[in-house]
Amino acid sequence: MLGENKTFLEHLEELRRVILRSLAAIALLLFPAYWAAGRLIPWLLRQLEQLGGGGLQFHYFSPLEPFLVQLKCSLLLALFGALPYVSWQVAGFIAPGLYRRERRLFGALAGTAFLLFLAGAAFAFALILPLLLRFAASYRSPELAPMLGLGNFIDLAGLLLLGFGLMFQLPVVVVVLVRTGLIRTATLRRSRPVVVIVILVLAAILTPPDVVSQLLMAVPTWLLFELALLVAARLEPPAESDTPDDARSPLPEPNAAAASTETVPETEEPHPALSDDEAYAPYAAAARSRRGRRIRPIRRR
């Protein structure tokens, strides 16, 4: 582990074992997750159809499309099911290199990040996806009937769930940056316009190209950012006060008594006697050493 006296290659070997154990856990859960995905997808489509107002029907346009969709869902379920074990492995690798207080903070932030991810995904499933379905059903007419592709819709839903889950991690990122001293809360408060622009740009990338979805992602993220500022202000380490130049302690003056006890090298001549004023001068020792130097003539070859 990180806290033990190991070489760099030994740490790499330990990291390799952590990765292999995590991949093995995901692979073991992939088979039961595939069975669960076959029952979860129909239930999920029925719920979305009811939330969307009814009248919608999903289709697939290639023979292997249902199998690929079920495989994608099973992989996501396996990742979600193996997340506690993977987190335990990562924590076991990092925790020995942390102090006890840092371990508690790391555990609290990991739990908060997991809950915020679930909250973001639930927000997207309960609000954003029904709005998209109602928006798609609003164009229905006798001449135009909606035909939603299963694979395309699952990809869109997965992108929305993942995007909202990641955007809801902003409070954790802010707290980590402030707690480690990389940035101050005062700087973040002054940079509010820049943060709002960045949130809007990310919301435009992670949502469908419509203003409603973008605002529904940007507004909760901005509120979480403001909440993170309040929490980070309590966890912010004290700033190192810059001492002004006039408040700094002056350099210690050389002690004439201590300087007089210095041994004179044999190659140098004895120091000439100094006057009383020179003896009490701040740089008497430096003056004495300069006077005691022997000037050697330059020999020409």
Protein backbone atom coordinates (compact mmCIF):
# COMPACT_ATOMS: atom_id res chain seq x y z
CA MET A 1 0.00 0.00 0.00
CA LEU A 2 0.96 3.64 -0.29
CA GLY A 3 1.79 4.06 3.38
CA GLU A 4 4.28 1.18 3.45
CA ASN A 5 7.95 1.38 2.56
CA LYS A 6 7.78 0.00 -0.95
CA THR A 7 9.53 0.84 -4.16
CA PHE A 8 7.83 2.43 -7.13
CA LEU A 9 7.61 -0.90 -8.96
CA GLU A 10 6.03 -2.55 -5.92
CA HIS A 11 3.38 0.19 -5.83
CA LEU A 12 2.71 -0.39 -9.52
CA GLU A 13 2.34 -4.12 -8.86
CA GLU A 14 -0.14 -3.39 -6.06
CA LEU A 15 -2.10 -1.08 -8.37
CA ARG A 16 -2.18 -3.80 -11.02
CA ARG A 17 -3.66 -6.25 -8.50
CA VAL A 18 -6.32 -3.71 -7.52
CA ILE A 19 -7.32 -3.23 -11.17
CA LEU A 20 -7.43 -6.98 -11.83
CA ARG A 21 -9.58 -7.62 -8.75
CA SER A 22 -12.00 -4.88 -9.80
CA LEU A 23 -12.27 -6.23 -13.36
CA ALA A 24 -12.81 -9.76 -12.01
CA ALA A 25 -15.67 -8.53 -9.80
CA ILE A 26 -17.33 -6.80 -12.77
CA ALA A 27 -16.93 -9.93 -14.92
CA LEU A 28 -18.50 -12.13 -12.25
CA LEU A 29 -21.51 -9.85 -11.98
CA LEU A 30 -21.95 -9.58 -15.75
CA PHE A 31 -23.91 -12.84 -16.11
CA PRO A 32 -26.55 -12.18 -13.41
CA ALA A 33 -26.72 -8.57 -14.62
CA TYR A 34 -27.55 -9.78 -18.16
CA TRP A 35 -30.44 -11.80 -16.75
CA ALA A 36 -31.66 -8.82 -14.70
CA ALA A 37 -31.38 -6.45 -17.69
CA GLY A 38 -33.75 -8.66 -19.69
CA ARG A 39 -36.47 -7.95 -17.12
CA LEU A 40 -35.47 -4.38 -16.31
CA ILE A 41 -35.65 -2.99 -19.86
CA PRO A 42 -39.37 -3.83 -20.48
CA TRP A 43 -40.33 -2.42 -17.08
CA LEU A 44 -38.28 0.70 -17.76
CA LEU A 45 -39.90 1.25 -21.15
CA ARG A 46 -43.37 0.87 -19.65
CA GLN A 47 -42.58 3.42 -16.96
CA LEU A 48 -41.20 5.87 -19.50
CA GLU A 49 -44.21 5.39 -21.75
CA GLN A 50 -46.55 6.23 -18.86
CA LEU A 51 -44.47 9.23 -17.82
CA GLY A 52 -44.44 10.43 -21.40
CA GLY A 53 -48.22 10.52 -21.58
CA GLY A 54 -48.78 7.17 -23.30
CA GLY A 55 -49.21 6.48 -26.98
CA LEU A 56 -45.50 5.87 -27.57
CA GLN A 57 -44.04 2.62 -28.81
CA PHE A 58 -40.42 1.60 -29.12
CA HIS A 59 -39.05 -0.35 -32.10
CA TYR A 60 -35.78 -1.96 -33.10
CA PHE A 61 -34.40 -1.81 -36.64
CA SER A 62 -31.78 -4.56 -36.72
CA PRO A 63 -31.88 -8.20 -35.59
CA LEU A 64 -29.13 -7.79 -32.99
CA GLU A 65 -30.26 -4.43 -31.62
CA PRO A 66 -32.21 -5.85 -28.61
CA PHE A 67 -29.27 -8.10 -27.73
CA LEU A 68 -26.78 -5.21 -27.88
CA VAL A 69 -29.06 -2.98 -25.81
CA GLN A 70 -29.45 -5.69 -23.19
CA LEU A 71 -25.67 -6.22 -23.17
CA LYS A 72 -25.08 -2.49 -22.60
CA CYS A 73 -27.58 -2.43 -19.76
CA SER A 74 -26.05 -5.54 -18.19
CA LEU A 75 -22.60 -3.93 -18.29
CA LEU A 76 -23.94 -0.82 -16.56
CA LEU A 77 -25.67 -2.95 -13.92
CA ALA A 78 -22.46 -4.93 -13.34
CA LEU A 79 -20.47 -1.71 -12.93
CA PHE A 80 -23.04 -0.35 -10.50
CA GLY A 81 -23.16 -3.61 -8.54
CA ALA A 82 -19.37 -3.88 -8.30
CA LEU A 83 -18.95 -0.23 -7.33
CA PRO A 84 -18.81 -0.87 -3.53
CA TYR A 85 -16.11 -3.53 -3.96
CA VAL A 86 -14.13 -1.37 -6.41
CA SER A 87 -14.38 1.59 -4.02
CA TRP A 88 -13.14 -0.60 -1.16
CA GLN A 89 -10.16 -1.72 -3.25
CA VAL A 90 -9.26 1.84 -4.25
CA ALA A 91 -9.66 3.06 -0.66
CA GLY A 92 -7.43 0.25 0.58
CA PHE A 93 -4.75 1.33 -1.89
CA ILE A 94 -4.92 5.06 -1.08
CA ALA A 95 -5.81 5.13 2.64
CA PRO A 96 -2.41 4.00 4.06
CA GLY A 97 -0.82 7.11 2.58
CA LEU A 98 -3.29 9.46 4.30
CA TYR A 99 -3.57 10.83 7.80
CA ARG A 100 -6.47 9.78 9.99
CA ARG A 101 -8.29 13.08 9.46
CA GLU A 102 -7.74 12.85 5.71
CA ARG A 103 -9.16 9.31 5.71
CA ARG A 104 -12.36 10.51 7.35
CA LEU A 105 -12.65 13.34 4.85
CA PHE A 106 -11.96 10.97 1.96
CA GLY A 107 -14.69 8.58 3.13
CA ALA A 108 -17.20 11.39 3.57
CA LEU A 109 -16.47 12.79 0.12
CA ALA A 110 -16.71 9.35 -1.52
CA GLY A 111 -20.10 8.71 0.08
CA THR A 112 -21.34 12.18 -0.85
CA ALA A 113 -20.19 11.75 -4.46
CA PHE A 114 -22.06 8.42 -4.72
CA LEU A 115 -25.28 9.93 -3.32
CA LEU A 116 -25.01 12.97 -5.59
CA PHE A 117 -24.55 10.73 -8.62
CA LEU A 118 -27.68 8.79 -7.70
CA ALA A 119 -29.57 12.05 -7.15
CA GLY A 120 -28.53 13.36 -10.56
CA ALA A 121 -29.48 10.15 -12.33
CA ALA A 122 -32.86 10.03 -10.53
CA PHE A 123 -33.50 13.68 -11.41
CA ALA A 124 -32.83 12.96 -15.09
CA PHE A 125 -35.01 9.84 -15.08
CA ALA A 126 -37.96 11.44 -13.26
CA LEU A 127 -37.99 14.84 -14.95
CA ILE A 128 -35.83 15.13 -18.06
CA LEU A 129 -36.74 11.89 -19.86
CA PRO A 130 -40.53 12.40 -19.46
CA LEU A 131 -40.16 15.93 -20.81
CA LEU A 132 -38.31 14.58 -23.84
CA LEU A 133 -40.98 11.95 -24.41
CA ARG A 134 -43.78 14.50 -24.16
CA PHE A 135 -41.87 16.74 -26.51
CA ALA A 136 -41.55 13.88 -29.02
CA ALA A 137 -45.26 13.01 -28.65
CA SER A 138 -46.33 16.63 -29.24
CA TYR A 139 -45.49 16.28 -32.96
CA ARG A 140 -47.84 13.32 -33.35
CA SER A 141 -50.59 13.80 -35.92
CA PRO A 142 -52.69 11.64 -38.26
CA GLU A 143 -50.01 12.11 -40.90
CA LEU A 144 -47.04 11.75 -38.56
CA ALA A 145 -46.62 8.94 -36.03
CA PRO A 146 -43.64 8.68 -33.64
CA MET A 147 -41.47 5.60 -34.00
CA LEU A 148 -38.75 5.59 -31.37
CA GLY A 149 -35.74 3.35 -31.94
CA LEU A 150 -34.83 1.26 -28.91
CA GLY A 151 -31.07 1.54 -29.30
CA ASN A 152 -31.06 5.29 -29.98
CA PHE A 153 -33.36 5.99 -27.05
CA ILE A 154 -31.30 3.87 -24.62
CA ASP A 155 -28.14 5.68 -25.74
CA LEU A 156 -29.83 9.06 -25.20
CA ALA A 157 -31.16 8.00 -21.81
CA GLY A 158 -27.75 6.70 -20.76
CA LEU A 159 -26.09 9.95 -21.84
CA LEU A 160 -28.60 11.99 -19.82
CA LEU A 161 -28.26 9.84 -16.70
CA LEU A 162 -24.48 9.91 -16.89
CA GLY A 163 -24.37 13.64 -17.66
CA PHE A 164 -26.60 14.61 -14.75
CA GLY A 165 -24.72 12.28 -12.42
CA LEU A 166 -21.40 13.87 -13.39
CA MET A 167 -22.69 17.44 -13.21
CA PHE A 168 -23.98 16.80 -9.70
CA GLN A 169 -20.37 16.05 -8.66
CA LEU A 170 -19.54 19.77 -8.79
CA PRO A 171 -19.91 20.28 -4.99
CA VAL A 172 -17.41 17.50 -4.32
CA VAL A 173 -14.93 19.03 -6.78
CA VAL A 174 -15.30 22.48 -5.19
CA VAL A 175 -14.83 21.14 -1.65
CA VAL A 176 -11.73 19.15 -2.65
CA LEU A 177 -10.14 22.14 -4.41
CA VAL A 178 -10.80 24.45 -1.47
CA ARG A 179 -9.83 21.94 1.22
CA THR A 180 -6.50 21.18 -0.44
CA GLY A 181 -5.73 24.89 -0.77
CA LEU A 182 -5.60 24.93 -4.57
CA ILE A 183 -8.21 27.69 -4.70
CA ARG A 184 -9.88 30.04 -2.24
CA THR A 185 -13.59 30.53 -1.76
CA ALA A 186 -13.13 34.27 -2.27
CA THR A 187 -11.70 33.53 -5.73
CA LEU A 188 -14.67 31.32 -6.57
CA ARG A 189 -17.11 34.01 -5.45
CA ARG A 190 -15.40 36.56 -7.66
CA SER A 191 -15.43 34.08 -10.56
CA ARG A 192 -19.20 33.40 -10.45
CA PRO A 193 -19.83 34.68 -14.03
CA VAL A 194 -17.12 32.39 -15.41
CA VAL A 195 -18.49 29.40 -13.44
CA VAL A 196 -22.02 30.05 -14.73
CA ILE A 197 -20.76 30.18 -18.33
CA VAL A 198 -18.84 26.91 -17.87
CA ILE A 199 -21.95 25.24 -16.39
CA LEU A 200 -24.08 26.40 -19.33
CA VAL A 201 -21.52 25.14 -21.85
CA LEU A 202 -21.30 21.72 -20.17
CA ALA A 203 -25.08 21.51 -19.94
CA ALA A 204 -25.35 22.27 -23.66
CA ILE A 205 -22.88 19.45 -24.42
CA LEU A 206 -24.45 16.83 -22.14
CA THR A 207 -28.12 17.48 -23.00
CA PRO A 208 -30.14 17.35 -26.23
CA PRO A 209 -30.04 20.51 -28.34
CA ASP A 210 -32.90 22.35 -26.66
CA VAL A 211 -32.92 25.22 -24.19
CA VAL A 212 -35.30 23.55 -21.71
CA SER A 213 -33.05 20.55 -21.05
CA GLN A 214 -30.01 22.80 -20.83
CA LEU A 215 -31.63 25.02 -18.19
CA LEU A 216 -32.96 22.02 -16.27
CA MET A 217 -29.38 20.80 -15.92
CA ALA A 218 -27.72 24.19 -15.42
CA VAL A 219 -30.00 25.60 -12.71
CA PRO A 220 -29.68 22.67 -10.22
CA THR A 221 -25.94 22.54 -10.88
CA TRP A 222 -25.57 26.24 -10.11
CA LEU A 223 -27.59 25.83 -6.89
CA LEU A 224 -25.31 22.96 -5.89
CA PHE A 225 -22.31 25.18 -6.61
CA GLU A 226 -23.65 27.85 -4.25
CA LEU A 227 -24.28 25.19 -1.60
CA ALA A 228 -20.74 23.88 -2.09
CA LEU A 229 -19.35 27.37 -1.44
CA LEU A 230 -21.08 27.47 1.93
CA VAL A 231 -19.73 24.05 2.90
CA ALA A 232 -16.23 24.78 1.55
CA ALA A 233 -16.05 28.04 3.53
CA ARG A 234 -16.29 26.00 6.76
CA LEU A 235 -13.65 23.50 5.64
CA GLU A 236 -11.25 26.03 4.14
CA PRO A 237 -7.80 26.02 5.78
CA PRO A 238 -6.58 29.35 7.17
CA ALA A 239 -4.67 31.50 4.75
CA GLU A 240 -1.00 32.17 5.35
CA SER A 241 -0.76 35.87 6.23
CA ASP A 242 1.93 37.71 4.35
CA THR A 243 4.16 39.57 6.80
CA PRO A 244 4.86 43.18 5.65
CA ASP A 245 8.42 44.22 5.05
CA ASP A 246 8.51 46.76 7.90
CA ALA A 247 7.19 44.17 10.39
CA ARG A 248 9.91 41.66 9.69
CA SER A 249 12.67 41.29 12.26
CA PRO A 250 15.90 43.00 11.22
CA LEU A 251 19.00 41.05 10.49
CA PRO A 252 21.11 40.39 13.58
CA GLU A 253 24.03 42.73 13.87
CA PRO A 254 27.45 41.16 14.10
CA ASN A 255 28.85 40.92 17.61
CA ALA A 256 32.17 42.70 17.91
CA ALA A 257 33.21 40.68 20.94
CA ALA A 258 32.52 37.41 19.17
CA ALA A 259 34.28 38.63 16.06
CA SER A 260 37.38 39.56 18.04
CA THR A 261 37.81 35.96 19.15
CA GLU A 262 38.18 34.71 15.59
CA THR A 263 41.49 33.07 14.85
CA VAL A 264 43.69 34.74 12.34
CA PRO A 265 45.21 32.51 9.67
CA GLU A 266 48.95 32.17 9.77
CA THR A 267 49.30 33.52 6.24
CA GLU A 268 47.69 36.80 7.22
CA GLU A 269 49.30 39.64 9.14
CA PRO A 270 47.84 40.67 12.49
CA HIS A 271 45.02 43.16 12.36
CA PRO A 272 45.88 46.76 13.00
CA ALA A 273 44.26 48.41 15.98
CA LEU A 274 40.90 50.01 15.34
CA SER A 275 39.54 53.18 16.87
CA ASP A 276 36.70 53.14 19.39
CA ASP A 277 34.21 54.27 16.73
CA GLU A 278 35.28 51.50 14.42
CA ALA A 279 35.12 48.93 17.22
CA TYR A 280 31.43 49.67 17.79
CA ALA A 281 30.54 49.92 14.11
CA PRO A 282 27.91 47.37 12.94
CA TYR A 283 30.22 45.90 10.39
CA ALA A 284 33.46 46.08 12.40
CA ALA A 285 34.26 42.43 11.77
CA ALA A 286 33.91 42.89 8.01
CA ALA A 287 36.09 46.00 8.11
CA ARG A 288 38.72 44.22 10.21
CA SER A 289 38.86 41.28 7.82
CA ARG A 290 39.29 43.59 4.84
CA ARG A 291 42.12 45.47 6.50
CA GLY A 292 43.92 42.27 7.45
CA ARG A 293 44.15 40.98 3.92
CA ARG A 294 47.56 40.85 2.33
CA ILE A 295 47.85 42.26 -1.16
CA ARG A 296 50.07 39.97 -3.16
CA PRO A 297 52.06 41.42 -6.07
CA ILE A 298 51.28 40.20 -9.56
CA ARG A 299 54.13 38.15 -10.94
CA ARG A 300 54.80 38.47 -14.59
CA ARG A 301 55.88 35.44 -16.44
